[in-house]
Amino acid sequence: MFYADAPEYYTSIKDAALELREEFEDREELIVIGLRTDQNPNEVPLHEMILEEALLHTGSPTQGDYLRWQYKEYACGISGTYNPKTGFYSLVLKYNVTYYTSKAQEKALDIQVEKLLDQLNVYKADDYHKVCAIYDYMCQTIRYDTEGL
């Protein structure tokens, strides 16, 4: 049986995880992923395997641990069918995700970071001088709220 709300059926955890990663980056709250697999979803935590693969370090600053710490919680429902002739399950995984920030908030932050980097004029500096410039800026502008403690 084919589920209309699954955009396509992936045949590997890795491919399903790539889709999940993209949806996390877009801050989608409902993510629907189709998966065709020979692994029994009652015996193997497929939704966790896909999530862990999606949150692996990639070298991109907006993926990996950044995504791992940008969602508050998720729930995943799995439905599907088993075809005894082929030995495969056709599954639909529906992730409901709650994030700490929205796509609009992430975009606003990116704009402010760009403005700050322009102000600090660090684009042509080596890593050491970039770190020094950012450190100096933080020391000059960030104050602890000692009264609020």
C-alpha atoms as a PDB file:
ATOM      1  CA  MET A   1       0.000   0.000   0.000  1.00  0.00           C
ATOM      2  CA  PHE A   2       1.350   3.468  -0.882  1.00  0.00           C
ATOM      3  CA  TYR A   3       0.723   6.348   1.480  1.00  0.00           C
ATOM      4  CA  ALA A   4      -0.162   9.608  -0.264  1.00  0.00           C
ATOM      5  CA  ASP A   5       1.290  11.751   2.532  1.00  0.00           C
ATOM      6  CA  ALA A   6       4.760  10.190   2.194  1.00  0.00           C
ATOM      7  CA  PRO A   7       6.589  12.099  -0.545  1.00  0.00           C
ATOM      8  CA  GLU A   8       8.596   9.028  -1.530  1.00  0.00           C
ATOM      9  CA  TYR A   9       9.828   5.829   0.034  1.00  0.00           C
ATOM     10  CA  TYR A  10      13.507   5.811   0.875  1.00  0.00           C
ATOM     11  CA  THR A  11      15.282   2.476   0.917  1.00  0.00           C
ATOM     12  CA  SER A  12      18.029   3.349   3.393  1.00  0.00           C
ATOM     13  CA  ILE A  13      18.305   4.946   6.812  1.00  0.00           C
ATOM     14  CA  LYS A  14      20.931   7.303   5.412  1.00  0.00           C
ATOM     15  CA  ASP A  15      18.658   8.659   2.661  1.00  0.00           C
ATOM     16  CA  ALA A  16      15.736   9.042   5.066  1.00  0.00           C
ATOM     17  CA  ALA A  17      18.075  10.874   7.469  1.00  0.00           C
ATOM     18  CA  LEU A  18      19.110  13.339   4.760  1.00  0.00           C
ATOM     19  CA  GLU A  19      15.452  14.260   4.306  1.00  0.00           C
ATOM     20  CA  LEU A  20      14.924  14.553   8.053  1.00  0.00           C
ATOM     21  CA  ARG A  21      18.006  16.806   8.367  1.00  0.00           C
ATOM     22  CA  GLU A  22      16.684  19.154   5.670  1.00  0.00           C
ATOM     23  CA  GLU A  23      13.302  19.342   7.364  1.00  0.00           C
ATOM     24  CA  PHE A  24      14.956  20.062  10.731  1.00  0.00           C
ATOM     25  CA  GLU A  25      16.954  22.878   9.127  1.00  0.00           C
ATOM     26  CA  ASP A  26      13.696  24.313   7.774  1.00  0.00           C
ATOM     27  CA  ARG A  27      12.157  23.976  11.258  1.00  0.00           C
ATOM     28  CA  GLU A  28       9.259  21.890   9.960  1.00  0.00           C
ATOM     29  CA  GLU A  29       7.044  20.811  12.837  1.00  0.00           C
ATOM     30  CA  LEU A  30       5.446  17.856  11.041  1.00  0.00           C
ATOM     31  CA  ILE A  31       7.851  15.735   9.021  1.00  0.00           C
ATOM     32  CA  VAL A  32       6.589  12.749   7.052  1.00  0.00           C
ATOM     33  CA  ILE A  33       9.106  10.227   5.758  1.00  0.00           C
ATOM     34  CA  GLY A  34       8.449   7.054   3.817  1.00  0.00           C
ATOM     35  CA  LEU A  35      10.794   4.102   4.326  1.00  0.00           C
ATOM     36  CA  ARG A  36      10.862   0.704   2.659  1.00  0.00           C
ATOM     37  CA  THR A  37      12.941  -1.720   4.704  1.00  0.00           C
ATOM     38  CA  ASP A  38      13.324  -5.345   5.666  1.00  0.00           C
ATOM     39  CA  GLN A  39      13.765  -4.371   9.326  1.00  0.00           C
ATOM     40  CA  ASN A  40      10.793  -4.952  11.588  1.00  0.00           C
ATOM     41  CA  PRO A  41       9.800  -1.608  13.167  1.00  0.00           C
ATOM     42  CA  ASN A  42       8.558  -3.468  16.245  1.00  0.00           C
ATOM     43  CA  GLU A  43      12.029  -4.866  16.864  1.00  0.00           C
ATOM     44  CA  VAL A  44      14.311  -2.058  15.635  1.00  0.00           C
ATOM     45  CA  PRO A  45      13.972   1.626  16.700  1.00  0.00           C
ATOM     46  CA  LEU A  46      14.011   2.914  13.107  1.00  0.00           C
ATOM     47  CA  HIS A  47      12.825   6.422  14.012  1.00  0.00           C
ATOM     48  CA  GLU A  48      15.735   6.804  16.448  1.00  0.00           C
ATOM     49  CA  MET A  49      18.229   5.425  13.930  1.00  0.00           C
ATOM     50  CA  ILE A  50      17.065   7.941  11.320  1.00  0.00           C
ATOM     51  CA  LEU A  51      17.240  10.805  13.818  1.00  0.00           C
ATOM     52  CA  GLU A  52      20.727   9.882  15.009  1.00  0.00           C
ATOM     53  CA  GLU A  53      21.964   9.676  11.410  1.00  0.00           C
ATOM     54  CA  ALA A  54      20.354  13.051  10.622  1.00  0.00           C
ATOM     55  CA  LEU A  55      22.160  14.687  13.546  1.00  0.00           C
ATOM     56  CA  LEU A  56      25.657  13.399  12.740  1.00  0.00           C
ATOM     57  CA  HIS A  57      28.464  15.911  12.290  1.00  0.00           C
ATOM     58  CA  THR A  58      28.694  17.014   8.650  1.00  0.00           C
ATOM     59  CA  GLY A  59      31.101  19.950   8.840  1.00  0.00           C
ATOM     60  CA  SER A  60      28.268  22.393   8.204  1.00  0.00           C
ATOM     61  CA  PRO A  61      27.747  24.899  11.040  1.00  0.00           C
ATOM     62  CA  THR A  62      23.946  24.602  10.783  1.00  0.00           C
ATOM     63  CA  GLN A  63      23.853  20.815  11.047  1.00  0.00           C
ATOM     64  CA  GLY A  64      25.120  18.165  13.453  1.00  0.00           C
ATOM     65  CA  ASP A  65      25.231  19.359  17.052  1.00  0.00           C
ATOM     66  CA  TYR A  66      23.660  22.676  16.078  1.00  0.00           C
ATOM     67  CA  LEU A  67      20.493  20.856  15.040  1.00  0.00           C
ATOM     68  CA  ARG A  68      20.768  18.425  17.960  1.00  0.00           C
ATOM     69  CA  TRP A  69      20.460  21.274  20.446  1.00  0.00           C
ATOM     70  CA  GLN A  70      17.854  23.269  18.502  1.00  0.00           C
ATOM     71  CA  TYR A  71      14.883  21.016  19.109  1.00  0.00           C
ATOM     72  CA  LYS A  72      13.151  20.650  22.441  1.00  0.00           C
ATOM     73  CA  GLU A  73      11.376  17.342  21.856  1.00  0.00           C
ATOM     74  CA  TYR A  74       9.874  15.079  19.248  1.00  0.00           C
ATOM     75  CA  ALA A  75       7.376  12.272  18.957  1.00  0.00           C
ATOM     76  CA  CYS A  76       7.244   9.813  16.097  1.00  0.00           C
ATOM     77  CA  GLY A  77       4.345   7.687  14.970  1.00  0.00           C
ATOM     78  CA  ILE A  78       4.948   4.799  12.570  1.00  0.00           C
ATOM     79  CA  SER A  79       2.377   3.149  10.353  1.00  0.00           C
ATOM     80  CA  GLY A  80       2.694   0.843   7.396  1.00  0.00           C
ATOM     81  CA  THR A  81       2.327  -2.566   5.914  1.00  0.00           C
ATOM     82  CA  TYR A  82       4.371  -5.723   5.546  1.00  0.00           C
ATOM     83  CA  ASN A  83       4.564  -7.623   2.257  1.00  0.00           C
ATOM     84  CA  PRO A  84       5.370 -11.285   3.023  1.00  0.00           C
ATOM     85  CA  LYS A  85       6.185 -11.964  -0.640  1.00  0.00           C
ATOM     86  CA  THR A  86       9.005  -9.414  -0.718  1.00  0.00           C
ATOM     87  CA  GLY A  87       9.864  -9.420   2.987  1.00  0.00           C
ATOM     88  CA  PHE A  88       9.713  -5.621   3.099  1.00  0.00           C
ATOM     89  CA  TYR A  89       7.845  -3.142   5.254  1.00  0.00           C
ATOM     90  CA  SER A  90       6.469   0.012   3.639  1.00  0.00           C
ATOM     91  CA  LEU A  91       6.449   2.502   6.497  1.00  0.00           C
ATOM     92  CA  VAL A  92       5.408   6.082   7.061  1.00  0.00           C
ATOM     93  CA  LEU A  93       7.148   7.856   9.926  1.00  0.00           C
ATOM     94  CA  LYS A  94       5.536  11.049  11.181  1.00  0.00           C
ATOM     95  CA  TYR A  95       7.803  13.174  13.341  1.00  0.00           C
ATOM     96  CA  ASN A  96       6.159  15.938  15.382  1.00  0.00           C
ATOM     97  CA  VAL A  97       8.960  18.281  16.450  1.00  0.00           C
ATOM     98  CA  THR A  98       9.092  21.214  18.854  1.00  0.00           C
ATOM     99  CA  TYR A  99      12.006  23.602  18.310  1.00  0.00           C
ATOM    100  CA  TYR A 100      13.536  26.292  20.494  1.00  0.00           C
ATOM    101  CA  THR A 101      13.717  28.711  17.552  1.00  0.00           C
ATOM    102  CA  SER A 102      11.689  29.283  14.409  1.00  0.00           C
ATOM    103  CA  LYS A 103      12.999  29.603  10.856  1.00  0.00           C
ATOM    104  CA  ALA A 104      12.325  33.364  11.036  1.00  0.00           C
ATOM    105  CA  GLN A 105      14.307  33.685  14.275  1.00  0.00           C
ATOM    106  CA  GLU A 106      17.221  31.758  12.745  1.00  0.00           C
ATOM    107  CA  LYS A 107      17.171  34.069   9.708  1.00  0.00           C
ATOM    108  CA  ALA A 108      17.110  37.179  11.924  1.00  0.00           C
ATOM    109  CA  LEU A 109      20.074  35.833  13.904  1.00  0.00           C
ATOM    110  CA  ASP A 110      22.019  35.115  10.697  1.00  0.00           C
ATOM    111  CA  ILE A 111      21.460  38.706   9.563  1.00  0.00           C
ATOM    112  CA  GLN A 112      22.712  40.101  12.875  1.00  0.00           C
ATOM    113  CA  VAL A 113      25.772  37.841  12.839  1.00  0.00           C
ATOM    114  CA  GLU A 114      26.589  39.019   9.295  1.00  0.00           C
ATOM    115  CA  LYS A 115      26.296  42.654  10.423  1.00  0.00           C
ATOM    116  CA  LEU A 116      28.578  42.005  13.383  1.00  0.00           C
ATOM    117  CA  LEU A 117      31.165  40.229  11.240  1.00  0.00           C
ATOM    118  CA  ASP A 118      31.071  43.168   8.802  1.00  0.00           C
ATOM    119  CA  GLN A 119      31.559  45.552  11.725  1.00  0.00           C
ATOM    120  CA  LEU A 120      34.490  43.527  13.084  1.00  0.00           C
ATOM    121  CA  ASN A 121      36.004  43.279   9.589  1.00  0.00           C
ATOM    122  CA  VAL A 122      37.377  39.774  10.139  1.00  0.00           C
ATOM    123  CA  TYR A 123      36.738  38.172   6.755  1.00  0.00           C
ATOM    124  CA  LYS A 124      40.371  38.347   5.643  1.00  0.00           C
ATOM    125  CA  ALA A 125      41.887  37.666   9.068  1.00  0.00           C
ATOM    126  CA  ASP A 126      43.407  34.344  10.068  1.00  0.00           C
ATOM    127  CA  ASP A 127      41.593  32.207  12.635  1.00  0.00           C
ATOM    128  CA  TYR A 128      43.600  33.532  15.577  1.00  0.00           C
ATOM    129  CA  HIS A 129      42.766  37.159  14.825  1.00  0.00           C
ATOM    130  CA  LYS A 130      39.110  36.302  14.181  1.00  0.00           C
ATOM    131  CA  VAL A 131      38.868  34.683  17.602  1.00  0.00           C
ATOM    132  CA  CYS A 132      40.650  37.650  19.219  1.00  0.00           C
ATOM    133  CA  ALA A 133      38.304  40.159  17.556  1.00  0.00           C
ATOM    134  CA  ILE A 134      35.191  38.235  18.608  1.00  0.00           C
ATOM    135  CA  TYR A 135      36.538  37.708  22.128  1.00  0.00           C
ATOM    136  CA  ASP A 136      37.340  41.422  22.508  1.00  0.00           C
ATOM    137  CA  TYR A 137      33.876  42.355  21.233  1.00  0.00           C
ATOM    138  CA  MET A 138      32.222  40.014  23.719  1.00  0.00           C
ATOM    139  CA  CYS A 139      34.315  41.319  26.629  1.00  0.00           C
ATOM    140  CA  GLN A 140      33.420  44.912  25.748  1.00  0.00           C
ATOM    141  CA  THR A 141      29.689  44.431  25.200  1.00  0.00           C
ATOM    142  CA  ILE A 142      28.402  41.533  27.323  1.00  0.00           C
ATOM    143  CA  ARG A 143      27.642  42.179  30.972  1.00  0.00           C
ATOM    144  CA  TYR A 144      26.412  39.773  33.623  1.00  0.00           C
ATOM    145  CA  ASP A 145      23.114  40.618  35.252  1.00  0.00           C
ATOM    146  CA  THR A 146      24.465  40.457  38.803  1.00  0.00           C
ATOM    147  CA  GLU A 147      21.447  42.342  40.183  1.00  0.00           C
ATOM    148  CA  GLY A 148      19.086  39.773  38.681  1.00  0.00           C
ATOM    149  CA  LEU A 149      20.880  36.950  40.466  1.00  0.00           C
END
